[in-house]
């Protein structure tokens, strides 16, 4: 996904590039198989950067009323949920296609899935 950022650089405000870069970095960190304390700090920092820079979409008129998307709101819960349940790439293979799919009947998968659904 990051190959698109250089392609649009110079055609959109730099704050948009920074917002998209932060969001893409967040997604890549969240998809890791192993997430440690340093990764969680990176995850939190990239989300803060995204929220800081996403204002450009409102200021430039792309989203004049701002963002109010449930998917974006659910990002604020990732830190707490990863801390509680581990890397979602392992539990939710749709986030990480490189991992094998766990059984749908596995209790941990059902618990984490319910928490993620409630928070989104």
C-alpha atoms as a PDB file:
ATOM      1  CA  UNK A   1       0.000   0.000   0.000  1.00  0.00           C
ATOM      2  CA  UNK A   2       2.827   2.387   0.734  1.00  0.00           C
ATOM      3  CA  UNK A   3       3.801   2.460  -2.933  1.00  0.00           C
ATOM      4  CA  UNK A   4       0.813   4.738  -3.533  1.00  0.00           C
ATOM      5  CA  UNK A   5       2.097   7.478  -1.232  1.00  0.00           C
ATOM      6  CA  UNK A   6       4.996   8.548  -3.489  1.00  0.00           C
ATOM      7  CA  UNK A   7       2.605   8.451  -6.450  1.00  0.00           C
ATOM      8  CA  UNK A   8       0.260  11.047  -4.923  1.00  0.00           C
ATOM      9  CA  UNK A   9       2.975  13.125  -3.252  1.00  0.00           C
ATOM     10  CA  UNK A  10       2.956  16.634  -4.691  1.00  0.00           C
ATOM     11  CA  UNK A  11      -0.642  16.262  -5.856  1.00  0.00           C
ATOM     12  CA  UNK A  12      -2.231  16.494  -2.399  1.00  0.00           C
ATOM     13  CA  UNK A  13      -1.283  18.452   0.735  1.00  0.00           C
ATOM     14  CA  UNK A  14       1.603  16.926   2.716  1.00  0.00           C
ATOM     15  CA  UNK A  15      -0.660  16.555   5.766  1.00  0.00           C
ATOM     16  CA  UNK A  16      -2.817  14.120   3.760  1.00  0.00           C
ATOM     17  CA  UNK A  17       0.265  12.065   2.948  1.00  0.00           C
ATOM     18  CA  UNK A  18       1.230  12.063   6.624  1.00  0.00           C
ATOM     19  CA  UNK A  19      -2.292  11.027   7.684  1.00  0.00           C
ATOM     20  CA  UNK A  20      -2.358   8.184   5.167  1.00  0.00           C
ATOM     21  CA  UNK A  21       1.168   7.101   6.095  1.00  0.00           C
ATOM     22  CA  UNK A  22       0.200   6.978   9.779  1.00  0.00           C
ATOM     23  CA  UNK A  23      -2.933   4.951   9.012  1.00  0.00           C
ATOM     24  CA  UNK A  24      -1.032   2.509   6.796  1.00  0.00           C
ATOM     25  CA  UNK A  25       1.705   2.149   9.426  1.00  0.00           C
ATOM     26  CA  UNK A  26      -0.990   1.453  12.040  1.00  0.00           C
ATOM     27  CA  UNK A  27      -2.445  -1.300   9.853  1.00  0.00           C
ATOM     28  CA  UNK A  28       0.964  -2.885   9.238  1.00  0.00           C
ATOM     29  CA  UNK A  29       1.810  -2.864  12.955  1.00  0.00           C
ATOM     30  CA  UNK A  30      -1.595  -4.328  13.891  1.00  0.00           C
ATOM     31  CA  UNK A  31      -1.096  -7.157  11.368  1.00  0.00           C
ATOM     32  CA  UNK A  32       2.159  -8.364  12.910  1.00  0.00           C
ATOM     33  CA  UNK A  33       2.227 -11.908  14.230  1.00  0.00           C
ATOM     34  CA  UNK A  34       4.053 -10.811  17.374  1.00  0.00           C
ATOM     35  CA  UNK A  35       3.372  -7.501  19.079  1.00  0.00           C
ATOM     36  CA  UNK A  36       5.540  -6.498  22.025  1.00  0.00           C
ATOM     37  CA  UNK A  37       5.584  -3.365  24.207  1.00  0.00           C
ATOM     38  CA  UNK A  38       7.623  -1.448  21.625  1.00  0.00           C
ATOM     39  CA  UNK A  39       5.148  -2.388  18.901  1.00  0.00           C
ATOM     40  CA  UNK A  40       2.254  -1.235  21.093  1.00  0.00           C
ATOM     41  CA  UNK A  41       3.975   2.111  21.598  1.00  0.00           C
ATOM     42  CA  UNK A  42       4.474   2.395  17.826  1.00  0.00           C
ATOM     43  CA  UNK A  43       0.808   1.508  17.320  1.00  0.00           C
ATOM     44  CA  UNK A  44      -0.294   4.184  19.775  1.00  0.00           C
ATOM     45  CA  UNK A  45       2.049   6.797  18.268  1.00  0.00           C
ATOM     46  CA  UNK A  46       0.883   6.151  14.705  1.00  0.00           C
ATOM     47  CA  UNK A  47      -2.749   6.440  15.775  1.00  0.00           C
ATOM     48  CA  UNK A  48      -2.009   9.777  17.459  1.00  0.00           C
ATOM     49  CA  UNK A  49      -0.306  10.982  14.270  1.00  0.00           C
ATOM     50  CA  UNK A  50      -3.275   9.863  12.180  1.00  0.00           C
ATOM     51  CA  UNK A  51      -5.718  11.759  14.401  1.00  0.00           C
ATOM     52  CA  UNK A  52      -3.462  14.818  14.309  1.00  0.00           C
ATOM     53  CA  UNK A  53      -3.082  14.901  10.525  1.00  0.00           C
ATOM     54  CA  UNK A  54      -6.538  13.723   9.481  1.00  0.00           C
ATOM     55  CA  UNK A  55      -7.901  17.217  10.159  1.00  0.00           C
ATOM     56  CA  UNK A  56      -6.578  18.241   6.740  1.00  0.00           C
ATOM     57  CA  UNK A  57      -9.394  16.279   5.112  1.00  0.00           C
ATOM     58  CA  UNK A  58     -11.911  18.507   6.906  1.00  0.00           C
ATOM     59  CA  UNK A  59      -9.944  21.730   6.392  1.00  0.00           C
ATOM     60  CA  UNK A  60      -9.464  21.107   2.663  1.00  0.00           C
ATOM     61  CA  UNK A  61     -13.135  20.306   2.086  1.00  0.00           C
ATOM     62  CA  UNK A  62     -12.680  16.615   1.284  1.00  0.00           C
ATOM     63  CA  UNK A  63     -14.719  15.701   4.391  1.00  0.00           C
ATOM     64  CA  UNK A  64     -16.181  19.092   5.470  1.00  0.00           C
ATOM     65  CA  UNK A  65     -18.168  17.548   8.331  1.00  0.00           C
ATOM     66  CA  UNK A  66     -15.181  15.529   9.546  1.00  0.00           C
ATOM     67  CA  UNK A  67     -14.896  11.810  10.127  1.00  0.00           C
ATOM     68  CA  UNK A  68     -17.347   9.787  12.129  1.00  0.00           C
ATOM     69  CA  UNK A  69     -16.655   6.270  10.932  1.00  0.00           C
ATOM     70  CA  UNK A  70     -17.106   3.276  13.274  1.00  0.00           C
ATOM     71  CA  UNK A  71     -14.082   1.557  11.713  1.00  0.00           C
ATOM     72  CA  UNK A  72     -11.864   4.509  12.603  1.00  0.00           C
ATOM     73  CA  UNK A  73     -13.274   4.691  16.110  1.00  0.00           C
ATOM     74  CA  UNK A  74     -12.497   1.001  16.672  1.00  0.00           C
ATOM     75  CA  UNK A  75      -8.787   1.771  16.153  1.00  0.00           C
ATOM     76  CA  UNK A  76      -8.621   3.461  19.566  1.00  0.00           C
ATOM     77  CA  UNK A  77      -9.497   0.111  21.182  1.00  0.00           C
ATOM     78  CA  UNK A  78      -6.734  -1.908  19.497  1.00  0.00           C
ATOM     79  CA  UNK A  79      -4.074  -1.066  22.103  1.00  0.00           C
ATOM     80  CA  UNK A  80      -6.201  -2.287  25.002  1.00  0.00           C
ATOM     81  CA  UNK A  81      -7.461  -5.366  23.142  1.00  0.00           C
ATOM     82  CA  UNK A  82      -4.016  -6.405  21.926  1.00  0.00           C
ATOM     83  CA  UNK A  83      -2.672  -5.971  25.453  1.00  0.00           C
ATOM     84  CA  UNK A  84      -5.503  -8.179  26.758  1.00  0.00           C
ATOM     85  CA  UNK A  85      -5.752 -10.822  24.017  1.00  0.00           C
ATOM     86  CA  UNK A  86      -2.552 -10.716  21.962  1.00  0.00           C
ATOM     87  CA  UNK A  87      -1.798  -9.982  18.321  1.00  0.00           C
ATOM     88  CA  UNK A  88      -4.991  -9.961  16.234  1.00  0.00           C
ATOM     89  CA  UNK A  89      -3.102 -11.338  13.228  1.00  0.00           C
ATOM     90  CA  UNK A  90      -2.957 -14.680  15.030  1.00  0.00           C
ATOM     91  CA  UNK A  91      -6.536 -14.675  16.265  1.00  0.00           C
ATOM     92  CA  UNK A  92      -8.143 -13.033  13.234  1.00  0.00           C
ATOM     93  CA  UNK A  93      -6.372 -14.345  10.141  1.00  0.00           C
ATOM     94  CA  UNK A  94      -8.275 -11.974   7.884  1.00  0.00           C
ATOM     95  CA  UNK A  95      -5.928  -9.308   9.245  1.00  0.00           C
ATOM     96  CA  UNK A  96      -2.908 -11.394   8.357  1.00  0.00           C
ATOM     97  CA  UNK A  97      -3.214 -13.768   5.405  1.00  0.00           C
ATOM     98  CA  UNK A  98       0.233 -15.248   6.160  1.00  0.00           C
ATOM     99  CA  UNK A  99      -1.022 -17.104   9.228  1.00  0.00           C
ATOM    100  CA  UNK A 100      -2.981 -20.319   9.216  1.00  0.00           C
ATOM    101  CA  UNK A 101      -6.644 -20.029  10.074  1.00  0.00           C
ATOM    102  CA  UNK A 102      -7.537 -21.152  13.583  1.00  0.00           C
ATOM    103  CA  UNK A 103     -10.646 -23.190  14.129  1.00  0.00           C
ATOM    104  CA  UNK A 104     -13.819 -21.089  14.252  1.00  0.00           C
ATOM    105  CA  UNK A 105     -14.937 -23.134  17.256  1.00  0.00           C
ATOM    106  CA  UNK A 106     -11.917 -22.144  19.291  1.00  0.00           C
ATOM    107  CA  UNK A 107     -13.007 -20.231  22.402  1.00  0.00           C
ATOM    108  CA  UNK A 108     -10.308 -17.546  22.183  1.00  0.00           C
ATOM    109  CA  UNK A 109     -11.341 -16.672  18.641  1.00  0.00           C
ATOM    110  CA  UNK A 110     -14.957 -16.267  19.679  1.00  0.00           C
ATOM    111  CA  UNK A 111     -14.076 -14.122  22.706  1.00  0.00           C
ATOM    112  CA  UNK A 112     -11.787 -11.752  20.784  1.00  0.00           C
ATOM    113  CA  UNK A 113     -14.191 -11.576  17.867  1.00  0.00           C
ATOM    114  CA  UNK A 114     -17.023 -10.551  20.200  1.00  0.00           C
ATOM    115  CA  UNK A 115     -14.869  -7.837  21.799  1.00  0.00           C
ATOM    116  CA  UNK A 116     -13.767  -6.455  18.440  1.00  0.00           C
ATOM    117  CA  UNK A 117     -17.346  -6.417  17.155  1.00  0.00           C
ATOM    118  CA  UNK A 118     -18.570  -4.627  20.275  1.00  0.00           C
ATOM    119  CA  UNK A 119     -15.850  -1.985  19.935  1.00  0.00           C
ATOM    120  CA  UNK A 120     -16.407  -1.307  16.246  1.00  0.00           C
END
